[in-house]
Protein backbone atom coordinates (compact mmCIF):
# COMPACT_ATOMS: atom_id res chain seq x y z
CA UNK A 1 0.00 0.00 0.00
CA UNK A 2 1.39 3.40 -0.94
CA UNK A 3 1.77 6.26 1.50
CA UNK A 4 -1.35 8.41 1.67
CA UNK A 5 -3.79 5.60 0.93
CA UNK A 6 -5.56 3.09 3.09
CA UNK A 7 -7.96 0.19 2.80
CA UNK A 8 -11.51 1.35 3.33
CA UNK A 9 -13.32 -0.24 6.29
CA UNK A 10 -16.29 -0.91 4.02
CA UNK A 11 -14.09 -2.41 1.31
CA UNK A 12 -11.76 -4.37 3.62
CA UNK A 13 -10.74 -7.65 2.10
CA UNK A 14 -11.66 -6.51 -1.40
CA UNK A 15 -8.33 -4.86 -2.10
CA UNK A 16 -9.76 -1.40 -2.79
CA UNK A 17 -7.59 1.50 -1.77
CA UNK A 18 -8.67 5.04 -1.21
CA UNK A 19 -6.88 8.30 -0.55
CA UNK A 20 -6.40 8.77 3.18
CA UNK A 21 -8.88 11.35 4.51
CA UNK A 22 -7.69 14.84 5.37
CA UNK A 23 -7.42 15.07 9.14
CA UNK A 24 -7.85 18.24 11.17
CA UNK A 25 -7.34 19.16 14.81
CA UNK A 26 -10.43 20.16 16.80
CA UNK A 27 -10.94 21.18 20.43
CA UNK A 28 -13.56 19.28 22.45
CA UNK A 29 -16.37 21.59 23.59
CA UNK A 30 -16.63 19.78 26.91
CA UNK A 31 -13.14 18.87 28.13
CA UNK A 32 -11.29 21.36 25.86
CA UNK A 33 -8.73 18.72 24.85
CA UNK A 34 -7.46 18.62 21.28
CA UNK A 35 -8.34 15.64 19.09
CA UNK A 36 -7.88 14.64 15.45
CA UNK A 37 -10.88 14.00 13.21
CA UNK A 38 -11.40 13.51 9.45
CA UNK A 39 -12.47 16.66 7.61
CA UNK A 40 -15.51 14.91 6.13
CA UNK A 41 -16.95 14.35 9.63
CA UNK A 42 -16.65 18.07 10.38
CA UNK A 43 -18.35 18.81 7.05
CA UNK A 44 -21.26 16.67 8.26
CA UNK A 45 -21.59 18.84 11.35
CA UNK A 46 -19.81 16.43 13.67
CA UNK A 47 -16.59 16.86 15.59
CA UNK A 48 -17.66 18.95 18.54
CA UNK A 49 -16.57 16.33 21.10
CA UNK A 50 -13.57 14.05 21.46
CA UNK A 51 -15.64 11.11 22.72
CA UNK A 52 -19.18 9.91 23.36
CA UNK A 53 -18.56 10.35 27.09
CA UNK A 54 -17.75 14.05 26.63
CA UNK A 55 -20.82 14.53 24.44
CA UNK A 56 -23.07 12.79 26.98
CA UNK A 57 -21.64 14.84 29.86
CA UNK A 58 -22.09 18.06 27.87
CA UNK A 59 -25.73 17.23 27.09
CA UNK A 60 -26.53 16.86 30.80
CA UNK A 61 -25.46 20.47 31.38
CA UNK A 62 -27.46 22.21 28.66
CA UNK A 63 -31.17 22.94 28.21
CA UNK A 64 -33.39 24.77 25.72
CA UNK A 65 -31.99 26.53 22.67
CA UNK A 66 -28.40 25.86 23.81
CA UNK A 67 -28.93 22.08 23.63
CA UNK A 68 -27.17 20.34 20.73
CA UNK A 69 -30.41 18.60 19.70
CA UNK A 70 -32.61 21.73 19.89
CA UNK A 71 -34.52 22.17 16.64
CA UNK A 72 -36.19 25.50 17.32
CA UNK A 73 -39.84 26.33 17.22
CA UNK A 74 -42.49 26.82 19.81
CA UNK A 75 -43.56 24.08 22.17
CA UNK A 76 -47.15 23.12 21.49
CA UNK A 77 -49.20 22.98 24.70
CA UNK A 78 -50.92 19.61 24.87
CA UNK A 79 -48.92 18.48 21.85
CA UNK A 80 -49.78 15.21 20.18
CA UNK A 81 -51.68 13.50 22.92
CA UNK A 82 -55.18 13.14 24.15
CA UNK A 83 -58.35 11.71 22.66
CA UNK A 84 -58.81 14.41 20.00
CA UNK A 85 -55.40 13.68 18.42
CA UNK A 86 -55.69 9.90 18.68
CA UNK A 87 -59.21 9.78 17.18
CA UNK A 88 -58.30 12.14 14.32
CA UNK A 89 -55.13 10.19 13.58
CA UNK A 90 -57.00 6.89 13.49
CA UNK A 91 -59.64 8.37 11.17
CA UNK A 92 -56.97 9.72 8.79
CA UNK A 93 -55.15 6.37 8.67
CA UNK A 94 -58.47 4.61 7.96
CA UNK A 95 -59.29 7.12 5.21
CA UNK A 96 -55.88 6.49 3.60
CA UNK A 97 -56.60 2.77 3.42
CA UNK A 98 -52.93 1.79 3.46
CA UNK A 99 -51.88 4.22 0.69
CA UNK A 100 -49.83 7.40 0.92
CA UNK A 101 -52.32 10.19 0.21
CA UNK A 102 -49.70 12.10 -1.79
CA UNK A 103 -47.78 9.57 -3.87
CA UNK A 104 -50.14 6.58 -3.67
CA UNK A 105 -47.58 4.04 -2.41
CA UNK A 106 -48.99 1.08 -0.50
CA UNK A 107 -47.31 0.91 2.89
CA UNK A 108 -47.38 -0.83 6.23
CA UNK A 109 -48.97 1.23 9.04
CA UNK A 110 -45.64 1.90 10.80
CA UNK A 111 -44.29 3.55 7.63
CA UNK A 112 -46.93 6.28 7.66
CA UNK A 113 -46.70 9.74 9.12
CA UNK A 114 -49.86 11.66 9.91
CA UNK A 115 -48.95 15.16 8.77
CA UNK A 116 -50.74 18.40 9.67
CA UNK A 117 -51.40 20.49 6.55
CA UNK A 118 -51.56 23.64 8.68
CA UNK A 119 -49.26 23.27 11.69
CA UNK A 120 -50.88 23.17 15.14
CA UNK A 121 -48.81 26.16 16.20
CA UNK A 122 -50.84 28.29 13.75
CA UNK A 123 -54.04 27.70 15.73
CA UNK A 124 -54.95 29.60 18.87
CA UNK A 125 -55.92 26.26 20.43
CA UNK A 126 -53.51 23.59 19.09
CA UNK A 127 -56.25 20.94 19.42
CA UNK A 128 -58.12 22.75 16.61
CA UNK A 129 -55.39 21.51 14.25
CA UNK A 130 -56.24 17.87 14.99
CA UNK A 131 -59.03 17.48 12.43
CA UNK A 132 -59.42 15.02 9.54
CA UNK A 133 -59.47 17.90 7.06
CA UNK A 134 -56.18 19.29 8.37
CA UNK A 135 -54.34 15.98 8.51
CA UNK A 136 -53.08 13.60 5.85
CA UNK A 137 -51.47 10.16 5.97
CA UNK A 138 -48.26 10.19 3.97
CA UNK A 139 -45.21 7.97 3.64
CA UNK A 140 -41.98 8.91 5.36
CA UNK A 141 -40.40 9.75 2.00
CA UNK A 142 -43.09 12.31 1.11
CA UNK A 143 -42.93 13.72 4.64
CA UNK A 144 -39.18 14.28 4.34
CA UNK A 145 -39.65 15.91 0.92
CA UNK A 146 -42.33 18.19 2.33
CA UNK A 147 -40.11 19.43 5.15
CA UNK A 148 -37.18 19.93 2.77
CA UNK A 149 -39.06 21.59 -0.11
CA UNK A 150 -42.20 22.93 1.58
CA UNK A 151 -44.36 21.09 -0.94
CA UNK A 152 -44.57 17.80 -2.77
CA UNK A 153 -45.48 17.30 -6.43
CA UNK A 154 -48.66 15.23 -6.18
CA UNK A 155 -49.29 12.02 -8.10
CA UNK A 156 -52.10 10.55 -6.04
CA UNK A 157 -54.40 12.00 -3.37
CA UNK A 158 -56.29 15.26 -3.28
CA UNK A 159 -54.30 16.92 -0.49
CA UNK A 160 -51.95 19.80 -1.25
CA UNK A 161 -49.02 20.92 0.86
C-alpha atoms as a PDB file:
ATOM      1  CA  UNK A   1       0.000   0.000   0.000  1.00  0.00           C
ATOM      2  CA  UNK A   2       1.394   3.398  -0.943  1.00  0.00           C
ATOM      3  CA  UNK A   3       1.766   6.260   1.503  1.00  0.00           C
ATOM      4  CA  UNK A   4      -1.349   8.409   1.666  1.00  0.00           C
ATOM      5  CA  UNK A   5      -3.793   5.599   0.928  1.00  0.00           C
ATOM      6  CA  UNK A   6      -5.561   3.086   3.090  1.00  0.00           C
ATOM      7  CA  UNK A   7      -7.955   0.188   2.798  1.00  0.00           C
ATOM      8  CA  UNK A   8     -11.513   1.347   3.334  1.00  0.00           C
ATOM      9  CA  UNK A   9     -13.325  -0.236   6.290  1.00  0.00           C
ATOM     10  CA  UNK A  10     -16.293  -0.914   4.021  1.00  0.00           C
ATOM     11  CA  UNK A  11     -14.091  -2.405   1.309  1.00  0.00           C
ATOM     12  CA  UNK A  12     -11.764  -4.367   3.623  1.00  0.00           C
ATOM     13  CA  UNK A  13     -10.745  -7.646   2.097  1.00  0.00           C
ATOM     14  CA  UNK A  14     -11.662  -6.514  -1.399  1.00  0.00           C
ATOM     15  CA  UNK A  15      -8.331  -4.861  -2.096  1.00  0.00           C
ATOM     16  CA  UNK A  16      -9.758  -1.397  -2.794  1.00  0.00           C
ATOM     17  CA  UNK A  17      -7.585   1.501  -1.770  1.00  0.00           C
ATOM     18  CA  UNK A  18      -8.673   5.043  -1.206  1.00  0.00           C
ATOM     19  CA  UNK A  19      -6.885   8.303  -0.550  1.00  0.00           C
ATOM     20  CA  UNK A  20      -6.397   8.769   3.175  1.00  0.00           C
ATOM     21  CA  UNK A  21      -8.879  11.350   4.512  1.00  0.00           C
ATOM     22  CA  UNK A  22      -7.689  14.841   5.366  1.00  0.00           C
ATOM     23  CA  UNK A  23      -7.422  15.065   9.135  1.00  0.00           C
ATOM     24  CA  UNK A  24      -7.847  18.243  11.171  1.00  0.00           C
ATOM     25  CA  UNK A  25      -7.335  19.163  14.806  1.00  0.00           C
ATOM     26  CA  UNK A  26     -10.425  20.163  16.803  1.00  0.00           C
ATOM     27  CA  UNK A  27     -10.940  21.181  20.428  1.00  0.00           C
ATOM     28  CA  UNK A  28     -13.564  19.284  22.446  1.00  0.00           C
ATOM     29  CA  UNK A  29     -16.367  21.588  23.590  1.00  0.00           C
ATOM     30  CA  UNK A  30     -16.632  19.779  26.911  1.00  0.00           C
ATOM     31  CA  UNK A  31     -13.136  18.874  28.132  1.00  0.00           C
ATOM     32  CA  UNK A  32     -11.293  21.364  25.858  1.00  0.00           C
ATOM     33  CA  UNK A  33      -8.733  18.716  24.851  1.00  0.00           C
ATOM     34  CA  UNK A  34      -7.460  18.625  21.276  1.00  0.00           C
ATOM     35  CA  UNK A  35      -8.337  15.639  19.087  1.00  0.00           C
ATOM     36  CA  UNK A  36      -7.880  14.638  15.454  1.00  0.00           C
ATOM     37  CA  UNK A  37     -10.879  14.004  13.208  1.00  0.00           C
ATOM     38  CA  UNK A  38     -11.397  13.507   9.450  1.00  0.00           C
ATOM     39  CA  UNK A  39     -12.465  16.661   7.611  1.00  0.00           C
ATOM     40  CA  UNK A  40     -15.512  14.906   6.130  1.00  0.00           C
ATOM     41  CA  UNK A  41     -16.953  14.353   9.634  1.00  0.00           C
ATOM     42  CA  UNK A  42     -16.645  18.065  10.380  1.00  0.00           C
ATOM     43  CA  UNK A  43     -18.348  18.812   7.046  1.00  0.00           C
ATOM     44  CA  UNK A  44     -21.261  16.670   8.262  1.00  0.00           C
ATOM     45  CA  UNK A  45     -21.589  18.842  11.354  1.00  0.00           C
ATOM     46  CA  UNK A  46     -19.809  16.427  13.674  1.00  0.00           C
ATOM     47  CA  UNK A  47     -16.591  16.856  15.588  1.00  0.00           C
ATOM     48  CA  UNK A  48     -17.657  18.950  18.544  1.00  0.00           C
ATOM     49  CA  UNK A  49     -16.572  16.335  21.103  1.00  0.00           C
ATOM     50  CA  UNK A  50     -13.566  14.055  21.458  1.00  0.00           C
ATOM     51  CA  UNK A  51     -15.641  11.108  22.724  1.00  0.00           C
ATOM     52  CA  UNK A  52     -19.177   9.913  23.360  1.00  0.00           C
ATOM     53  CA  UNK A  53     -18.563  10.350  27.091  1.00  0.00           C
ATOM     54  CA  UNK A  54     -17.754  14.052  26.630  1.00  0.00           C
ATOM     55  CA  UNK A  55     -20.820  14.534  24.438  1.00  0.00           C
ATOM     56  CA  UNK A  56     -23.071  12.786  26.982  1.00  0.00           C
ATOM     57  CA  UNK A  57     -21.644  14.835  29.855  1.00  0.00           C
ATOM     58  CA  UNK A  58     -22.090  18.055  27.870  1.00  0.00           C
ATOM     59  CA  UNK A  59     -25.732  17.228  27.093  1.00  0.00           C
ATOM     60  CA  UNK A  60     -26.530  16.857  30.797  1.00  0.00           C
ATOM     61  CA  UNK A  61     -25.457  20.468  31.385  1.00  0.00           C
ATOM     62  CA  UNK A  62     -27.457  22.210  28.661  1.00  0.00           C
ATOM     63  CA  UNK A  63     -31.167  22.936  28.207  1.00  0.00           C
ATOM     64  CA  UNK A  64     -33.392  24.768  25.718  1.00  0.00           C
ATOM     65  CA  UNK A  65     -31.985  26.532  22.672  1.00  0.00           C
ATOM     66  CA  UNK A  66     -28.402  25.864  23.811  1.00  0.00           C
ATOM     67  CA  UNK A  67     -28.931  22.081  23.634  1.00  0.00           C
ATOM     68  CA  UNK A  68     -27.174  20.344  20.726  1.00  0.00           C
ATOM     69  CA  UNK A  69     -30.409  18.599  19.700  1.00  0.00           C
ATOM     70  CA  UNK A  70     -32.613  21.734  19.889  1.00  0.00           C
ATOM     71  CA  UNK A  71     -34.516  22.173  16.638  1.00  0.00           C
ATOM     72  CA  UNK A  72     -36.190  25.504  17.319  1.00  0.00           C
ATOM     73  CA  UNK A  73     -39.838  26.329  17.223  1.00  0.00           C
ATOM     74  CA  UNK A  74     -42.491  26.824  19.808  1.00  0.00           C
ATOM     75  CA  UNK A  75     -43.558  24.081  22.174  1.00  0.00           C
ATOM     76  CA  UNK A  76     -47.148  23.118  21.487  1.00  0.00           C
ATOM     77  CA  UNK A  77     -49.203  22.983  24.702  1.00  0.00           C
ATOM     78  CA  UNK A  78     -50.922  19.608  24.868  1.00  0.00           C
ATOM     79  CA  UNK A  79     -48.919  18.478  21.851  1.00  0.00           C
ATOM     80  CA  UNK A  80     -49.779  15.210  20.182  1.00  0.00           C
ATOM     81  CA  UNK A  81     -51.676  13.498  22.919  1.00  0.00           C
ATOM     82  CA  UNK A  82     -55.184  13.140  24.152  1.00  0.00           C
ATOM     83  CA  UNK A  83     -58.353  11.709  22.658  1.00  0.00           C
ATOM     84  CA  UNK A  84     -58.808  14.414  19.998  1.00  0.00           C
ATOM     85  CA  UNK A  85     -55.398  13.683  18.422  1.00  0.00           C
ATOM     86  CA  UNK A  86     -55.689   9.900  18.685  1.00  0.00           C
ATOM     87  CA  UNK A  87     -59.206   9.783  17.180  1.00  0.00           C
ATOM     88  CA  UNK A  88     -58.304  12.142  14.317  1.00  0.00           C
ATOM     89  CA  UNK A  89     -55.125  10.191  13.578  1.00  0.00           C
ATOM     90  CA  UNK A  90     -57.000   6.888  13.494  1.00  0.00           C
ATOM     91  CA  UNK A  91     -59.636   8.371  11.170  1.00  0.00           C
ATOM     92  CA  UNK A  92     -56.972   9.715   8.795  1.00  0.00           C
ATOM     93  CA  UNK A  93     -55.147   6.368   8.667  1.00  0.00           C
ATOM     94  CA  UNK A  94     -58.472   4.612   7.962  1.00  0.00           C
ATOM     95  CA  UNK A  95     -59.291   7.120   5.206  1.00  0.00           C
ATOM     96  CA  UNK A  96     -55.882   6.489   3.602  1.00  0.00           C
ATOM     97  CA  UNK A  97     -56.598   2.766   3.424  1.00  0.00           C
ATOM     98  CA  UNK A  98     -52.926   1.787   3.458  1.00  0.00           C
ATOM     99  CA  UNK A  99     -51.879   4.218   0.689  1.00  0.00           C
ATOM    100  CA  UNK A 100     -49.827   7.398   0.921  1.00  0.00           C
ATOM    101  CA  UNK A 101     -52.316  10.189   0.209  1.00  0.00           C
ATOM    102  CA  UNK A 102     -49.697  12.100  -1.792  1.00  0.00           C
ATOM    103  CA  UNK A 103     -47.783   9.572  -3.867  1.00  0.00           C
ATOM    104  CA  UNK A 104     -50.145   6.585  -3.666  1.00  0.00           C
ATOM    105  CA  UNK A 105     -47.577   4.042  -2.412  1.00  0.00           C
ATOM    106  CA  UNK A 106     -48.989   1.081  -0.500  1.00  0.00           C
ATOM    107  CA  UNK A 107     -47.310   0.913   2.891  1.00  0.00           C
ATOM    108  CA  UNK A 108     -47.381  -0.834   6.233  1.00  0.00           C
ATOM    109  CA  UNK A 109     -48.972   1.235   9.041  1.00  0.00           C
ATOM    110  CA  UNK A 110     -45.644   1.898  10.797  1.00  0.00           C
ATOM    111  CA  UNK A 111     -44.286   3.551   7.633  1.00  0.00           C
ATOM    112  CA  UNK A 112     -46.932   6.276   7.664  1.00  0.00           C
ATOM    113  CA  UNK A 113     -46.698   9.744   9.118  1.00  0.00           C
ATOM    114  CA  UNK A 114     -49.855  11.659   9.912  1.00  0.00           C
ATOM    115  CA  UNK A 115     -48.948  15.163   8.772  1.00  0.00           C
ATOM    116  CA  UNK A 116     -50.738  18.405   9.670  1.00  0.00           C
ATOM    117  CA  UNK A 117     -51.401  20.493   6.550  1.00  0.00           C
ATOM    118  CA  UNK A 118     -51.564  23.640   8.679  1.00  0.00           C
ATOM    119  CA  UNK A 119     -49.260  23.267  11.695  1.00  0.00           C
ATOM    120  CA  UNK A 120     -50.885  23.169  15.139  1.00  0.00           C
ATOM    121  CA  UNK A 121     -48.811  26.163  16.204  1.00  0.00           C
ATOM    122  CA  UNK A 122     -50.843  28.291  13.750  1.00  0.00           C
ATOM    123  CA  UNK A 123     -54.045  27.696  15.734  1.00  0.00           C
ATOM    124  CA  UNK A 124     -54.949  29.600  18.873  1.00  0.00           C
ATOM    125  CA  UNK A 125     -55.921  26.262  20.434  1.00  0.00           C
ATOM    126  CA  UNK A 126     -53.513  23.595  19.090  1.00  0.00           C
ATOM    127  CA  UNK A 127     -56.247  20.944  19.420  1.00  0.00           C
ATOM    128  CA  UNK A 128     -58.118  22.751  16.608  1.00  0.00           C
ATOM    129  CA  UNK A 129     -55.387  21.509  14.246  1.00  0.00           C
ATOM    130  CA  UNK A 130     -56.243  17.870  14.986  1.00  0.00           C
ATOM    131  CA  UNK A 131     -59.033  17.479  12.428  1.00  0.00           C
ATOM    132  CA  UNK A 132     -59.421  15.021   9.539  1.00  0.00           C
ATOM    133  CA  UNK A 133     -59.467  17.903   7.064  1.00  0.00           C
ATOM    134  CA  UNK A 134     -56.184  19.290   8.371  1.00  0.00           C
ATOM    135  CA  UNK A 135     -54.339  15.981   8.508  1.00  0.00           C
ATOM    136  CA  UNK A 136     -53.078  13.598   5.847  1.00  0.00           C
ATOM    137  CA  UNK A 137     -51.470  10.156   5.970  1.00  0.00           C
ATOM    138  CA  UNK A 138     -48.260  10.194   3.970  1.00  0.00           C
ATOM    139  CA  UNK A 139     -45.214   7.968   3.640  1.00  0.00           C
ATOM    140  CA  UNK A 140     -41.976   8.915   5.360  1.00  0.00           C
ATOM    141  CA  UNK A 141     -40.398   9.747   1.997  1.00  0.00           C
ATOM    142  CA  UNK A 142     -43.093  12.309   1.111  1.00  0.00           C
ATOM    143  CA  UNK A 143     -42.929  13.721   4.636  1.00  0.00           C
ATOM    144  CA  UNK A 144     -39.176  14.276   4.337  1.00  0.00           C
ATOM    145  CA  UNK A 145     -39.646  15.909   0.918  1.00  0.00           C
ATOM    146  CA  UNK A 146     -42.333  18.186   2.332  1.00  0.00           C
ATOM    147  CA  UNK A 147     -40.114  19.429   5.154  1.00  0.00           C
ATOM    148  CA  UNK A 148     -37.180  19.926   2.771  1.00  0.00           C
ATOM    149  CA  UNK A 149     -39.060  21.594  -0.106  1.00  0.00           C
ATOM    150  CA  UNK A 150     -42.200  22.933   1.581  1.00  0.00           C
ATOM    151  CA  UNK A 151     -44.357  21.093  -0.939  1.00  0.00           C
ATOM    152  CA  UNK A 152     -44.569  17.799  -2.766  1.00  0.00           C
ATOM    153  CA  UNK A 153     -45.479  17.297  -6.433  1.00  0.00           C
ATOM    154  CA  UNK A 154     -48.659  15.232  -6.185  1.00  0.00           C
ATOM    155  CA  UNK A 155     -49.291  12.015  -8.103  1.00  0.00           C
ATOM    156  CA  UNK A 156     -52.099  10.553  -6.035  1.00  0.00           C
ATOM    157  CA  UNK A 157     -54.399  12.002  -3.368  1.00  0.00           C
ATOM    158  CA  UNK A 158     -56.291  15.264  -3.281  1.00  0.00           C
ATOM    159  CA  UNK A 159     -54.298  16.922  -0.489  1.00  0.00           C
ATOM    160  CA  UNK A 160     -51.948  19.796  -1.249  1.00  0.00           C
ATOM    161  CA  UNK A 161     -49.021  20.921   0.856  1.00  0.00           C
END
